[in-house]
N, C-alpha and C. Protein backbone atom coordinates (compact mmCIF):
# COMPACT_ATOMS: atom_id res chain seq x y z
N MET A 1 -14.34 6.78 21.26
CA MET A 1 -13.57 5.57 20.55
C MET A 1 -12.19 5.52 21.15
N SER A 2 -11.64 4.54 21.54
CA SER A 2 -10.52 4.09 22.13
C SER A 2 -9.14 4.43 21.34
N ASP A 3 -8.19 5.05 22.08
CA ASP A 3 -6.97 5.16 21.12
C ASP A 3 -6.19 4.10 21.21
N SER A 4 -6.51 3.09 21.79
CA SER A 4 -5.66 1.85 22.03
C SER A 4 -6.10 0.71 20.88
N TRP A 5 -7.01 1.32 19.90
CA TRP A 5 -7.40 0.22 18.88
C TRP A 5 -6.21 -0.05 17.94
N THR A 6 -6.12 -1.37 17.58
CA THR A 6 -5.00 -1.54 16.67
C THR A 6 -5.51 -2.63 15.58
N TRP A 7 -4.89 -2.84 14.58
CA TRP A 7 -5.34 -3.92 13.59
C TRP A 7 -4.99 -5.21 14.23
N ASP A 8 -5.80 -6.33 14.05
CA ASP A 8 -5.62 -7.52 14.24
C ASP A 8 -4.45 -8.21 13.46
N TYR A 9 -4.38 -7.76 12.08
CA TYR A 9 -3.53 -8.32 11.32
C TYR A 9 -2.90 -7.17 10.42
N ASP A 10 -1.73 -7.10 10.82
CA ASP A 10 -0.84 -5.75 10.24
C ASP A 10 0.37 -6.31 9.28
N PRO A 11 0.24 -6.84 8.24
CA PRO A 11 1.47 -7.37 7.44
C PRO A 11 2.32 -6.31 7.11
N ASP A 12 3.68 -6.76 6.98
CA ASP A 12 4.86 -5.74 6.55
C ASP A 12 4.96 -5.94 5.04
N ALA A 13 5.59 -4.85 4.64
CA ALA A 13 5.80 -4.64 3.11
C ALA A 13 6.20 -6.11 2.53
N GLU A 14 7.26 -6.93 3.09
CA GLU A 14 7.63 -7.74 2.36
C GLU A 14 6.60 -9.15 2.09
N HIS A 15 5.73 -8.99 3.34
CA HIS A 15 4.58 -10.07 3.17
C HIS A 15 3.68 -9.88 2.25
N VAL A 16 3.44 -8.47 1.66
CA VAL A 16 2.35 -7.99 0.72
C VAL A 16 3.07 -8.04 -0.66
N VAL A 17 4.23 -7.68 -0.87
CA VAL A 17 4.67 -7.56 -2.11
C VAL A 17 6.02 -8.76 -2.22
N GLY A 18 6.39 -9.27 -1.41
CA GLY A 18 7.17 -10.45 -1.54
C GLY A 18 7.02 -11.50 -2.65
N GLY A 19 7.96 -11.66 -3.53
CA GLY A 19 7.87 -12.46 -4.69
C GLY A 19 7.50 -11.77 -6.00
N MET A 20 7.26 -10.47 -5.85
CA MET A 20 6.92 -9.52 -6.88
C MET A 20 8.15 -9.13 -7.49
N SER A 21 8.19 -8.70 -8.81
CA SER A 21 9.46 -8.30 -9.50
C SER A 21 9.54 -6.71 -8.96
N HIS A 22 10.51 -6.28 -9.01
CA HIS A 22 10.66 -4.78 -8.83
C HIS A 22 9.95 -3.82 -9.72
N GLU A 23 9.84 -4.35 -11.06
CA GLU A 23 9.15 -3.62 -12.06
C GLU A 23 7.63 -3.64 -11.73
N VAL A 24 7.09 -4.53 -11.19
CA VAL A 24 5.60 -4.69 -10.91
C VAL A 24 5.44 -3.67 -9.63
N VAL A 25 6.23 -3.83 -8.60
CA VAL A 25 6.08 -2.91 -7.36
C VAL A 25 5.91 -1.59 -7.86
N THR A 26 7.19 -1.21 -8.80
CA THR A 26 7.16 0.14 -9.10
C THR A 26 5.88 0.62 -10.04
N GLU A 27 5.50 -0.28 -10.83
CA GLU A 27 4.12 0.22 -11.53
C GLU A 27 3.02 0.36 -10.93
N VAL A 28 2.95 -0.50 -9.72
CA VAL A 28 1.78 -0.49 -8.87
C VAL A 28 1.87 0.94 -7.98
N GLU A 29 2.99 1.22 -7.58
CA GLU A 29 3.33 2.52 -6.88
C GLU A 29 3.06 3.82 -7.82
N ARG A 30 3.45 3.54 -8.96
CA ARG A 30 2.96 4.50 -10.01
C ARG A 30 1.47 4.89 -10.14
N LEU A 31 0.93 3.81 -10.38
CA LEU A 31 -0.77 3.67 -10.46
C LEU A 31 -1.47 4.36 -9.31
N ALA A 32 -0.77 3.80 -8.11
CA ALA A 32 -1.50 4.26 -6.73
C ALA A 32 -1.26 5.81 -6.68
N GLU A 33 -0.20 6.22 -7.12
CA GLU A 33 0.28 7.87 -7.03
C GLU A 33 -0.80 8.43 -8.13
N GLN A 34 -0.95 8.13 -9.09
CA GLN A 34 -1.86 8.56 -10.02
C GLN A 34 -3.44 8.52 -9.61
N LEU A 35 -3.81 7.55 -8.79
CA LEU A 35 -5.20 7.67 -8.27
C LEU A 35 -5.30 8.73 -7.21
N THR A 36 -4.14 8.71 -6.60
CA THR A 36 -4.13 9.79 -5.37
C THR A 36 -4.33 11.22 -5.91
N VAL A 37 -3.58 11.41 -6.94
CA VAL A 37 -3.73 12.82 -7.83
C VAL A 37 -5.25 12.91 -8.39
N LEU A 38 -5.71 11.87 -8.89
CA LEU A 38 -7.23 12.05 -9.30
C LEU A 38 -7.88 12.42 -8.01
N ARG A 39 -7.99 11.70 -7.13
CA ARG A 39 -8.73 11.89 -6.00
C ARG A 39 -8.86 13.44 -5.32
N THR A 40 -7.49 14.05 -5.67
CA THR A 40 -7.53 15.26 -4.87
C THR A 40 -7.91 16.49 -5.85
N ARG A 41 -8.28 16.15 -7.08
CA ARG A 41 -8.77 17.28 -7.97
C ARG A 41 -10.19 17.50 -7.86
């Protein structure tokens, strides 16, 4: 496998969450963290 492989599309954080309220972004981050914890158990 080549070490030079990259994504063809690599959006930045503003593109992904642009327009969402801070509260929504915070809640999504909280839920993602909980999923991570569940996965490691």
